[in-house]
Amino acid sequence: MENVEAIGAIETFGLVFVLEAADAMEKAANVQVMGYENVASGYISVIAKGDVQACQTAVEAGVKAVTAMGAEVYSSVVIATPHKDLAKIIDRYAIKELLTDLEGG
């Protein structure tokens, strides 16, 4: 996560809604979806990185997409200058790590 100017995250309920959010985020702005975390009882978050304005635009688009489907967004955030230690959290839930876990590696 070196040189990341910002991260944006959206939390909702259910994989279908977070996929819609992630799709809208990537289409709305120049961000890269970094990963997701599925926590207890179906709450799920998606995390993207990019510059501050791109993350803001992406989060707004993701929130709009989820609410348009009739789902609730429980929280959303844009962190303009994330502390370097946040990389530990982002890296743990990175898509490549999740795929490795699924493959048993």
PDB file of N, CA and C in Angstrom:
ATOM      1  N   MET A   1       0.821  -1.186   0.000  1.00  0.00           N
ATOM      2  CA  MET A   1       0.000   0.000   0.000  1.00  0.00           C
ATOM      3  C   MET A   1       0.865   1.250   0.000  1.00  0.00           C
ATOM      4  N   GLU A   2       2.096   1.146  -0.400  1.00  0.00           N
ATOM      5  CA  GLU A   2       2.961   2.317  -0.423  1.00  0.00           C
ATOM      6  C   GLU A   2       2.404   3.340  -1.400  1.00  0.00           C
ATOM      7  N   ASN A   3       2.602   4.620  -1.067  1.00  0.00           N
ATOM      8  CA  ASN A   3       2.214   5.737  -1.912  1.00  0.00           C
ATOM      9  C   ASN A   3       0.715   5.833  -2.167  1.00  0.00           C
ATOM     10  N   VAL A   4      -0.099   5.230  -1.343  1.00  0.00           N
ATOM     11  CA  VAL A   4      -1.533   5.357  -1.498  1.00  0.00           C
ATOM     12  C   VAL A   4      -1.951   6.673  -0.858  1.00  0.00           C
ATOM     13  N   GLU A   5      -2.607   7.497  -1.630  1.00  0.00           N
ATOM     14  CA  GLU A   5      -3.034   8.776  -1.108  1.00  0.00           C
ATOM     15  C   GLU A   5      -4.308   8.645  -0.293  1.00  0.00           C
ATOM     16  N   ALA A   6      -5.137   7.669  -0.613  1.00  0.00           N
ATOM     17  CA  ALA A   6      -6.415   7.547   0.090  1.00  0.00           C
ATOM     18  C   ALA A   6      -6.937   6.117  -0.016  1.00  0.00           C
ATOM     19  N   ILE A   7      -7.818   5.780   0.918  1.00  0.00           N
ATOM     20  CA  ILE A   7      -8.582   4.544   0.819  1.00  0.00           C
ATOM     21  C   ILE A   7     -10.047   4.888   1.058  1.00  0.00           C
ATOM     22  N   GLY A   8     -10.906   4.137   0.433  1.00  0.00           N
ATOM     23  CA  GLY A   8     -12.341   4.305   0.613  1.00  0.00           C
ATOM     24  C   GLY A   8     -12.947   2.954   0.935  1.00  0.00           C
ATOM     25  N   ALA A   9     -13.940   2.930   1.800  1.00  0.00           N
ATOM     26  CA  ALA A   9     -14.565   1.669   2.189  1.00  0.00           C
ATOM     27  C   ALA A   9     -16.071   1.852   2.346  1.00  0.00           C
ATOM     28  N   ILE A  10     -16.790   0.787   2.038  1.00  0.00           N
ATOM     29  CA  ILE A  10     -18.241   0.747   2.195  1.00  0.00           C
ATOM     30  C   ILE A  10     -18.591  -0.556   2.899  1.00  0.00           C
ATOM     31  N   GLU A  11     -19.491  -0.470   3.876  1.00  0.00           N
ATOM     32  CA  GLU A  11     -19.984  -1.659   4.566  1.00  0.00           C
ATOM     33  C   GLU A  11     -21.489  -1.772   4.351  1.00  0.00           C
ATOM     34  N   THR A  12     -21.911  -2.972   3.943  1.00  0.00           N
ATOM     35  CA  THR A  12     -23.316  -3.254   3.725  1.00  0.00           C
ATOM     36  C   THR A  12     -23.593  -4.681   4.187  1.00  0.00           C
ATOM     37  N   PHE A  13     -24.715  -5.233   3.772  1.00  0.00           N
ATOM     38  CA  PHE A  13     -25.098  -6.573   4.193  1.00  0.00           C
ATOM     39  C   PHE A  13     -25.281  -7.439   2.957  1.00  0.00           C
ATOM     40  N   GLY A  14     -24.414  -8.433   2.787  1.00  0.00           N
ATOM     41  CA  GLY A  14     -24.565  -9.381   1.702  1.00  0.00           C
ATOM     42  C   GLY A  14     -23.590  -9.179   0.552  1.00  0.00           C
ATOM     43  N   LEU A  15     -23.164 -10.285   0.002  1.00  0.00           N
ATOM     44  CA  LEU A  15     -22.168 -10.283  -1.075  1.00  0.00           C
ATOM     45  C   LEU A  15     -22.680  -9.609  -2.339  1.00  0.00           C
ATOM     46  N   VAL A  16     -23.924  -9.836  -2.699  1.00  0.00           N
ATOM     47  CA  VAL A  16     -24.463  -9.256  -3.926  1.00  0.00           C
ATOM     48  C   VAL A  16     -24.383  -7.734  -3.879  1.00  0.00           C
ATOM     49  N   PHE A  17     -24.736  -7.166  -2.735  1.00  0.00           N
ATOM     50  CA  PHE A  17     -24.708  -5.708  -2.614  1.00  0.00           C
ATOM     51  C   PHE A  17     -23.292  -5.158  -2.617  1.00  0.00           C
ATOM     52  N   VAL A  18     -22.367  -5.858  -1.988  1.00  0.00           N
ATOM     53  CA  VAL A  18     -20.990  -5.359  -1.985  1.00  0.00           C
ATOM     54  C   VAL A  18     -20.355  -5.508  -3.374  1.00  0.00           C
ATOM     55  N   LEU A  19     -20.759  -6.523  -4.119  1.00  0.00           N
ATOM     56  CA  LEU A  19     -20.281  -6.635  -5.499  1.00  0.00           C
ATOM     57  C   LEU A  19     -20.798  -5.474  -6.343  1.00  0.00           C
ATOM     58  N   GLU A  20     -22.046  -5.107  -6.139  1.00  0.00           N
ATOM     59  CA  GLU A  20     -22.610  -3.958  -6.850  1.00  0.00           C
ATOM     60  C   GLU A  20     -21.856  -2.685  -6.473  1.00  0.00           C
ATOM     61  N   ALA A  21     -21.559  -2.537  -5.192  1.00  0.00           N
ATOM     62  CA  ALA A  21     -20.794  -1.374  -4.733  1.00  0.00           C
ATOM     63  C   ALA A  21     -19.415  -1.343  -5.378  1.00  0.00           C
ATOM     64  N   ALA A  22     -18.715  -2.473  -5.362  1.00  0.00           N
ATOM     65  CA  ALA A  22     -17.367  -2.542  -5.935  1.00  0.00           C
ATOM     66  C   ALA A  22     -17.386  -2.230  -7.427  1.00  0.00           C
ATOM     67  N   ASP A  23     -18.366  -2.753  -8.131  1.00  0.00           N
ATOM     68  CA  ASP A  23     -18.481  -2.490  -9.560  1.00  0.00           C
ATOM     69  C   ASP A  23     -18.699  -1.003  -9.818  1.00  0.00           C
ATOM     70  N   ALA A  24     -19.604  -0.414  -9.069  1.00  0.00           N
ATOM     71  CA  ALA A  24     -19.878   1.018  -9.226  1.00  0.00           C
ATOM     72  C   ALA A  24     -18.647   1.857  -8.878  1.00  0.00           C
ATOM     73  N   MET A  25     -17.932   1.454  -7.847  1.00  0.00           N
ATOM     74  CA  MET A  25     -16.731   2.191  -7.436  1.00  0.00           C
ATOM     75  C   MET A  25     -15.688   2.207  -8.548  1.00  0.00           C
ATOM     76  N   GLU A  26     -15.438   1.042  -9.125  1.00  0.00           N
ATOM     77  CA  GLU A  26     -14.414   0.941 -10.174  1.00  0.00           C
ATOM     78  C   GLU A  26     -14.833   1.681 -11.440  1.00  0.00           C
ATOM     79  N   LYS A  27     -16.131   1.672 -11.746  1.00  0.00           N
ATOM     80  CA  LYS A  27     -16.610   2.343 -12.957  1.00  0.00           C
ATOM     81  C   LYS A  27     -16.661   3.857 -12.808  1.00  0.00           C
ATOM     82  N   ALA A  28     -16.861   4.347 -11.586  1.00  0.00           N
ATOM     83  CA  ALA A  28     -17.048   5.773 -11.366  1.00  0.00           C
ATOM     84  C   ALA A  28     -15.748   6.566 -11.295  1.00  0.00           C
ATOM     85  N   ALA A  29     -14.682   5.904 -10.896  1.00  0.00           N
ATOM     86  CA  ALA A  29     -13.445   6.647 -10.662  1.00  0.00           C
ATOM     87  C   ALA A  29     -12.238   5.740 -10.843  1.00  0.00           C
ATOM     88  N   ASN A  30     -11.089   6.358 -10.916  1.00  0.00           N
ATOM     89  CA  ASN A  30      -9.842   5.624 -11.090  1.00  0.00           C
ATOM     90  C   ASN A  30      -9.357   5.104  -9.727  1.00  0.00           C
ATOM     91  N   VAL A  31     -10.018   4.040  -9.265  1.00  0.00           N
ATOM     92  CA  VAL A  31      -9.639   3.379  -8.018  1.00  0.00           C
ATOM     93  C   VAL A  31      -9.410   1.908  -8.302  1.00  0.00           C
ATOM     94  N   GLN A  32      -8.745   1.260  -7.371  1.00  0.00           N
ATOM     95  CA  GLN A  32      -8.517  -0.182  -7.465  1.00  0.00           C
ATOM     96  C   GLN A  32      -9.111  -0.822  -6.224  1.00  0.00           C
ATOM     97  N   VAL A  33     -10.040  -1.754  -6.442  1.00  0.00           N
ATOM     98  CA  VAL A  33     -10.587  -2.491  -5.310  1.00  0.00           C
ATOM     99  C   VAL A  33      -9.480  -3.373  -4.757  1.00  0.00           C
ATOM    100  N   MET A  34      -9.204  -3.193  -3.481  1.00  0.00           N
ATOM    101  CA  MET A  34      -8.108  -3.913  -2.838  1.00  0.00           C
ATOM    102  C   MET A  34      -8.549  -5.249  -2.245  1.00  0.00           C
ATOM    103  N   GLY A  35      -9.744  -5.268  -1.684  1.00  0.00           N
ATOM    104  CA  GLY A  35     -10.192  -6.490  -1.054  1.00  0.00           C
ATOM    105  C   GLY A  35     -11.524  -6.285  -0.378  1.00  0.00           C
ATOM    106  N   TYR A  36     -11.927  -7.326   0.335  1.00  0.00           N
ATOM    107  CA  TYR A  36     -13.183  -7.259   1.060  1.00  0.00           C
ATOM    108  C   TYR A  36     -13.081  -8.096   2.314  1.00  0.00           C
ATOM    109  N   GLU A  37     -13.979  -7.846   3.228  1.00  0.00           N
ATOM    110  CA  GLU A  37     -14.022  -8.613   4.470  1.00  0.00           C
ATOM    111  C   GLU A  37     -15.472  -8.935   4.777  1.00  0.00           C
ATOM    112  N   ASN A  38     -15.745 -10.213   4.934  1.00  0.00           N
ATOM    113  CA  ASN A  38     -17.065 -10.697   5.301  1.00  0.00           C
ATOM    114  C   ASN A  38     -17.023 -11.038   6.782  1.00  0.00           C
ATOM    115  N   VAL A  39     -17.692 -10.239   7.575  1.00  0.00           N
ATOM    116  CA  VAL A  39     -17.681 -10.455   9.023  1.00  0.00           C
ATOM    117  C   VAL A  39     -18.956 -11.151   9.455  1.00  0.00           C
ATOM    118  N   ALA A  40     -19.149 -11.278  10.734  1.00  0.00           N
ATOM    119  CA  ALA A  40     -20.265 -12.024  11.305  1.00  0.00           C
ATOM    120  C   ALA A  40     -21.618 -11.600  10.728  1.00  0.00           C
ATOM    121  N   SER A  41     -22.466 -12.570  10.563  1.00  0.00           N
ATOM    122  CA  SER A  41     -23.865 -12.363  10.192  1.00  0.00           C
ATOM    123  C   SER A  41     -24.080 -11.688   8.849  1.00  0.00           C
ATOM    124  N   GLY A  42     -23.130 -11.761   7.950  1.00  0.00           N
ATOM    125  CA  GLY A  42     -23.326 -11.263   6.604  1.00  0.00           C
ATOM    126  C   GLY A  42     -22.910  -9.835   6.334  1.00  0.00           C
ATOM    127  N   TYR A  43     -22.434  -9.127   7.351  1.00  0.00           N
ATOM    128  CA  TYR A  43     -21.911  -7.787   7.100  1.00  0.00           C
ATOM    129  C   TYR A  43     -20.641  -7.919   6.274  1.00  0.00           C
ATOM    130  N   ILE A  44     -20.533  -7.097   5.252  1.00  0.00           N
ATOM    131  CA  ILE A  44     -19.382  -7.212   4.366  1.00  0.00           C
ATOM    132  C   ILE A  44     -18.928  -5.819   3.941  1.00  0.00           C
ATOM    133  N   SER A  45     -17.616  -5.647   3.866  1.00  0.00           N
ATOM    134  CA  SER A  45     -17.021  -4.365   3.494  1.00  0.00           C
ATOM    135  C   SER A  45     -16.136  -4.543   2.275  1.00  0.00           C
ATOM    136  N   VAL A  46     -16.066  -3.507   1.459  1.00  0.00           N
ATOM    137  CA  VAL A  46     -15.170  -3.479   0.312  1.00  0.00           C
ATOM    138  C   VAL A  46     -14.254  -2.268   0.475  1.00  0.00           C
ATOM    139  N   ILE A  47     -12.989  -2.447   0.114  1.00  0.00           N
ATOM    140  CA  ILE A  47     -11.979  -1.410   0.291  1.00  0.00           C
ATOM    141  C   ILE A  47     -11.334  -1.119  -1.063  1.00  0.00           C
ATOM    142  N   ALA A  48     -11.209   0.172  -1.378  1.00  0.00           N
ATOM    143  CA  ALA A  48     -10.567   0.588  -2.624  1.00  0.00           C
ATOM    144  C   ALA A  48      -9.495   1.626  -2.320  1.00  0.00           C
ATOM    145  N   LYS A  49      -8.552   1.752  -3.234  1.00  0.00           N
ATOM    146  CA  LYS A  49      -7.498   2.759  -3.070  1.00  0.00           C
ATOM    147  C   LYS A  49      -7.409   3.619  -4.319  1.00  0.00           C
ATOM    148  N   GLY A  50      -6.871   4.826  -4.137  1.00  0.00           N
ATOM    149  CA  GLY A  50      -6.677   5.763  -5.229  1.00  0.00           C
ATOM    150  C   GLY A  50      -6.411   7.134  -4.656  1.00  0.00           C
ATOM    151  N   ASP A  51      -6.483   8.160  -5.493  1.00  0.00           N
ATOM    152  CA  ASP A  51      -6.297   9.493  -4.932  1.00  0.00           C
ATOM    153  C   ASP A  51      -7.561   9.916  -4.189  1.00  0.00           C
ATOM    154  N   VAL A  52      -7.467  10.981  -3.441  1.00  0.00           N
ATOM    155  CA  VAL A  52      -8.547  11.389  -2.545  1.00  0.00           C
ATOM    156  C   VAL A  52      -9.852  11.620  -3.299  1.00  0.00           C
ATOM    157  N   GLN A  53      -9.812  12.406  -4.352  1.00  0.00           N
ATOM    158  CA  GLN A  53     -11.037  12.709  -5.092  1.00  0.00           C
ATOM    159  C   GLN A  53     -11.619  11.452  -5.737  1.00  0.00           C
ATOM    160  N   ALA A  54     -10.764  10.592  -6.265  1.00  0.00           N
ATOM    161  CA  ALA A  54     -11.250   9.345  -6.863  1.00  0.00           C
ATOM    162  C   ALA A  54     -11.931   8.467  -5.822  1.00  0.00           C
ATOM    163  N   CYS A  55     -11.347   8.371  -4.648  1.00  0.00           N
ATOM    164  CA  CYS A  55     -11.963   7.573  -3.582  1.00  0.00           C
ATOM    165  C   CYS A  55     -13.289   8.166  -3.151  1.00  0.00           C
ATOM    166  N   GLN A  56     -13.351   9.487  -3.048  1.00  0.00           N
ATOM    167  CA  GLN A  56     -14.612  10.143  -2.670  1.00  0.00           C
ATOM    168  C   GLN A  56     -15.694   9.854  -3.707  1.00  0.00           C
ATOM    169  N   THR A  57     -15.355  10.013  -4.975  1.00  0.00           N
ATOM    170  CA  THR A  57     -16.297   9.747  -6.063  1.00  0.00           C
ATOM    171  C   THR A  57     -16.721   8.283  -6.066  1.00  0.00           C
ATOM    172  N   ALA A  58     -15.756   7.396  -5.877  1.00  0.00           N
ATOM    173  CA  ALA A  58     -16.037   5.962  -5.882  1.00  0.00           C
ATOM    174  C   ALA A  58     -16.951   5.566  -4.728  1.00  0.00           C
ATOM    175  N   VAL A  59     -16.672   6.061  -3.547  1.00  0.00           N
ATOM    176  CA  VAL A  59     -17.513   5.722  -2.389  1.00  0.00           C
ATOM    177  C   VAL A  59     -18.932   6.249  -2.592  1.00  0.00           C
ATOM    178  N   GLU A  60     -19.056   7.466  -3.083  1.00  0.00           N
ATOM    179  CA  GLU A  60     -20.389   8.020  -3.343  1.00  0.00           C
ATOM    180  C   GLU A  60     -21.147   7.160  -4.354  1.00  0.00           C
ATOM    181  N   ALA A  61     -20.468   6.719  -5.406  1.00  0.00           N
ATOM    182  CA  ALA A  61     -21.103   5.874  -6.416  1.00  0.00           C
ATOM    183  C   ALA A  61     -21.486   4.511  -5.845  1.00  0.00           C
ATOM    184  N   GLY A  62     -20.617   3.952  -5.029  1.00  0.00           N
ATOM    185  CA  GLY A  62     -20.913   2.663  -4.416  1.00  0.00           C
ATOM    186  C   GLY A  62     -22.102   2.735  -3.472  1.00  0.00           C
ATOM    187  N   VAL A  63     -22.156   3.781  -2.670  1.00  0.00           N
ATOM    188  CA  VAL A  63     -23.285   3.978  -1.755  1.00  0.00           C
ATOM    189  C   VAL A  63     -24.583   4.133  -2.547  1.00  0.00           C
ATOM    190  N   LYS A  64     -24.529   4.931  -3.596  1.00  0.00           N
ATOM    191  CA  LYS A  64     -25.713   5.141  -4.433  1.00  0.00           C
ATOM    192  C   LYS A  64     -26.186   3.839  -5.067  1.00  0.00           C
ATOM    193  N   ALA A  65     -25.247   3.021  -5.530  1.00  0.00           N
ATOM    194  CA  ALA A  65     -25.606   1.745  -6.165  1.00  0.00           C
ATOM    195  C   ALA A  65     -26.277   0.792  -5.179  1.00  0.00           C
ATOM    196  N   VAL A  66     -25.750   0.729  -3.972  1.00  0.00           N
ATOM    197  CA  VAL A  66     -26.327  -0.162  -2.956  1.00  0.00           C
ATOM    198  C   VAL A  66     -27.726   0.309  -2.561  1.00  0.00           C
ATOM    199  N   THR A  67     -27.874   1.593  -2.324  1.00  0.00           N
ATOM    200  CA  THR A  67     -29.190   2.092  -1.918  1.00  0.00           C
ATOM    201  C   THR A  67     -30.204   1.971  -3.046  1.00  0.00           C
ATOM    202  N   ALA A  68     -29.755   2.087  -4.299  1.00  0.00           N
ATOM    203  CA  ALA A  68     -30.658   1.914  -5.440  1.00  0.00           C
ATOM    204  C   ALA A  68     -31.215   0.496  -5.520  1.00  0.00           C
ATOM    205  N   MET A  69     -30.479  -0.453  -4.970  1.00  0.00           N
ATOM    206  CA  MET A  69     -30.949  -1.842  -4.940  1.00  0.00           C
ATOM    207  C   MET A  69     -31.851  -2.098  -3.736  1.00  0.00           C
ATOM    208  N   GLY A  70     -32.056  -1.086  -2.919  1.00  0.00           N
ATOM    209  CA  GLY A  70     -32.924  -1.237  -1.761  1.00  0.00           C
ATOM    210  C   GLY A  70     -32.230  -1.752  -0.517  1.00  0.00           C
ATOM    211  N   ALA A  71     -30.914  -1.776  -0.532  1.00  0.00           N
ATOM    212  CA  ALA A  71     -30.149  -2.262   0.624  1.00  0.00           C
ATOM    213  C   ALA A  71     -29.661  -1.071   1.446  1.00  0.00           C
ATOM    214  N   GLU A  72     -29.229  -1.373   2.631  1.00  0.00           N
ATOM    215  CA  GLU A  72     -28.731  -0.343   3.534  1.00  0.00           C
ATOM    216  C   GLU A  72     -27.206  -0.331   3.531  1.00  0.00           C
ATOM    217  N   VAL A  73     -26.650   0.859   3.509  1.00  0.00           N
ATOM    218  CA  VAL A  73     -25.219   1.035   3.708  1.00  0.00           C
ATOM    219  C   VAL A  73     -25.041   1.350   5.186  1.00  0.00           C
ATOM    220  N   TYR A  74     -24.298   0.498   5.888  1.00  0.00           N
ATOM    221  CA  TYR A  74     -24.126   0.688   7.323  1.00  0.00           C
ATOM    222  C   TYR A  74     -23.068   1.724   7.644  1.00  0.00           C
ATOM    223  N   SER A  75     -22.059   1.811   6.810  1.00  0.00           N
ATOM    224  CA  SER A  75     -21.045   2.843   6.994  1.00  0.00           C
ATOM    225  C   SER A  75     -20.229   2.982   5.722  1.00  0.00           C
ATOM    226  N   SER A  76     -19.631   4.148   5.588  1.00  0.00           N
ATOM    227  CA  SER A  76     -18.704   4.390   4.489  1.00  0.00           C
ATOM    228  C   SER A  76     -17.707   5.430   4.967  1.00  0.00           C
ATOM    229  N   VAL A  77     -16.514   5.374   4.386  1.00  0.00           N
ATOM    230  CA  VAL A  77     -15.465   6.287   4.818  1.00  0.00           C
ATOM    231  C   VAL A  77     -14.462   6.485   3.687  1.00  0.00           C
ATOM    232  N   VAL A  78     -13.882   7.684   3.663  1.00  0.00           N
ATOM    233  CA  VAL A  78     -12.714   7.965   2.838  1.00  0.00           C
ATOM    234  C   VAL A  78     -11.653   8.476   3.794  1.00  0.00           C
ATOM    235  N   ILE A  79     -10.511   7.824   3.803  1.00  0.00           N
ATOM    236  CA  ILE A  79      -9.385   8.258   4.628  1.00  0.00           C
ATOM    237  C   ILE A  79      -8.354   8.845   3.677  1.00  0.00           C
ATOM    238  N   ALA A  80      -8.202  10.161   3.758  1.00  0.00           N
ATOM    239  CA  ALA A  80      -7.363  10.878   2.789  1.00  0.00           C
ATOM    240  C   ALA A  80      -5.885  10.530   2.910  1.00  0.00           C
ATOM    241  N   THR A  81      -5.395  10.424   4.114  1.00  0.00           N
ATOM    242  CA  THR A  81      -3.986  10.094   4.319  1.00  0.00           C
ATOM    243  C   THR A  81      -3.893   8.984   5.363  1.00  0.00           C
ATOM    244  N   PRO A  82      -4.088   7.748   4.916  1.00  0.00           N
ATOM    245  CA  PRO A  82      -4.077   6.637   5.869  1.00  0.00           C
ATOM    246  C   PRO A  82      -2.692   6.442   6.505  1.00  0.00           C
ATOM    247  N   HIS A  83      -2.714   6.113   7.773  1.00  0.00           N
ATOM    248  CA  HIS A  83      -1.468   5.793   8.464  1.00  0.00           C
ATOM    249  C   HIS A  83      -0.859   4.560   7.817  1.00  0.00           C
ATOM    250  N   LYS A  84       0.444   4.503   7.739  1.00  0.00           N
ATOM    251  CA  LYS A  84       1.125   3.381   7.072  1.00  0.00           C
ATOM    252  C   LYS A  84       0.782   2.035   7.700  1.00  0.00           C
ATOM    253  N   ASP A  85       0.442   2.004   8.973  1.00  0.00           N
ATOM    254  CA  ASP A  85       0.107   0.735   9.611  1.00  0.00           C
ATOM    255  C   ASP A  85      -1.235   0.167   9.148  1.00  0.00           C
ATOM    256  N   LEU A  86      -2.063   0.985   8.506  1.00  0.00           N
ATOM    257  CA  LEU A  86      -3.307   0.456   7.952  1.00  0.00           C
ATOM    258  C   LEU A  86      -3.038  -0.556   6.841  1.00  0.00           C
ATOM    259  N   ALA A  87      -1.846  -0.487   6.270  1.00  0.00           N
ATOM    260  CA  ALA A  87      -1.471  -1.455   5.230  1.00  0.00           C
ATOM    261  C   ALA A  87      -1.570  -2.886   5.750  1.00  0.00           C
ATOM    262  N   LYS A  88      -1.305  -3.082   7.030  1.00  0.00           N
ATOM    263  CA  LYS A  88      -1.399  -4.428   7.614  1.00  0.00           C
ATOM    264  C   LYS A  88      -2.825  -4.960   7.521  1.00  0.00           C
ATOM    265  N   ILE A  89      -3.791  -4.096   7.747  1.00  0.00           N
ATOM    266  CA  ILE A  89      -5.193  -4.503   7.667  1.00  0.00           C
ATOM    267  C   ILE A  89      -5.591  -4.721   6.214  1.00  0.00           C
ATOM    268  N   ILE A  90      -5.258  -3.763   5.364  1.00  0.00           N
ATOM    269  CA  ILE A  90      -5.611  -3.857   3.952  1.00  0.00           C
ATOM    270  C   ILE A  90      -4.995  -5.106   3.330  1.00  0.00           C
ATOM    271  N   ASP A  91      -3.734  -5.351   3.610  1.00  0.00           N
ATOM    272  CA  ASP A  91      -3.053  -6.507   3.038  1.00  0.00           C
ATOM    273  C   ASP A  91      -3.675  -7.820   3.496  1.00  0.00           C
ATOM    274  N   ARG A  92      -4.133  -7.876   4.729  1.00  0.00           N
ATOM    275  CA  ARG A  92      -4.734  -9.114   5.256  1.00  0.00           C
ATOM    276  C   ARG A  92      -6.003  -9.482   4.499  1.00  0.00           C
ATOM    277  N   TYR A  93      -6.747  -8.473   4.065  1.00  0.00           N
ATOM    278  CA  TYR A  93      -8.015  -8.715   3.380  1.00  0.00           C
ATOM    279  C   TYR A  93      -7.933  -8.479   1.878  1.00  0.00           C
ATOM    280  N   ALA A  94      -6.719  -8.419   1.364  1.00  0.00           N
ATOM    281  CA  ALA A  94      -6.534  -8.235  -0.074  1.00  0.00           C
ATOM    282  C   ALA A  94      -7.096  -9.419  -0.833  1.00  0.00           C
ATOM    283  N   ILE A  95      -7.604  -9.155  -2.011  1.00  0.00           N
ATOM    284  CA  ILE A  95      -8.207 -10.208  -2.821  1.00  0.00           C
ATOM    285  C   ILE A  95      -7.216 -11.341  -3.067  1.00  0.00           C
ATOM    286  N   LYS A  96      -5.956 -11.020  -3.323  1.00  0.00           N
ATOM    287  CA  LYS A  96      -4.975 -12.087  -3.584  1.00  0.00           C
ATOM    288  C   LYS A  96      -4.804 -12.986  -2.366  1.00  0.00           C
ATOM    289  N   GLU A  97      -4.867 -12.420  -1.167  1.00  0.00           N
ATOM    290  CA  GLU A  97      -4.753 -13.220   0.055  1.00  0.00           C
ATOM    291  C   GLU A  97      -5.985 -14.094   0.252  1.00  0.00           C
ATOM    292  N   LEU A  98      -7.146 -13.547  -0.029  1.00  0.00           N
ATOM    293  CA  LEU A  98      -8.382 -14.313   0.109  1.00  0.00           C
ATOM    294  C   LEU A  98      -8.410 -15.485  -0.868  1.00  0.00           C
ATOM    295  N   LEU A  99      -7.920 -15.254  -2.082  1.00  0.00           N
ATOM    296  CA  LEU A  99      -7.879 -16.337  -3.068  1.00  0.00           C
ATOM    297  C   LEU A  99      -6.892 -17.415  -2.633  1.00  0.00           C
ATOM    298  N   THR A 100      -5.765 -17.020  -2.066  1.00  0.00           N
ATOM    299  CA  THR A 100      -4.791 -17.987  -1.566  1.00  0.00           C
ATOM    300  C   THR A 100      -5.399 -18.839  -0.461  1.00  0.00           C
ATOM    301  N   ASP A 101      -6.146 -18.209   0.442  1.00  0.00           N
ATOM    302  CA  ASP A 101      -6.807 -18.939   1.524  1.00  0.00           C
ATOM    303  C   ASP A 101      -7.814 -19.951   0.965  1.00  0.00           C
ATOM    304  N   LEU A 102      -8.554 -19.567  -0.068  1.00  0.00           N
ATOM    305  CA  LEU A 102      -9.544 -20.460  -0.660  1.00  0.00           C
ATOM    306  C   LEU A 102      -8.896 -21.653  -1.337  1.00  0.00           C
ATOM    307  N   GLU A 103      -7.700 -21.434  -1.893  1.00  0.00           N
ATOM    308  CA  GLU A 103      -6.987 -22.502  -2.584  1.00  0.00           C
ATOM    309  C   GLU A 103      -6.235 -23.397  -1.624  1.00  0.00           C
ATOM    310  N   GLY A 104      -6.235 -23.030  -0.350  1.00  0.00           N
ATOM    311  CA  GLY A 104      -5.562 -23.845   0.646  1.00  0.00           C
ATOM    312  C   GLY A 104      -4.075 -23.590   0.746  1.00  0.00           C
ATOM    313  N   GLY A 105      -3.620 -22.468   0.231  1.00  0.00           N
ATOM    314  CA  GLY A 105      -2.195 -22.171   0.211  1.00  0.00           C
ATOM    315  C   GLY A 105      -1.847 -21.207   1.219  1.00  0.00           C
TER     316      GLY A 105
END
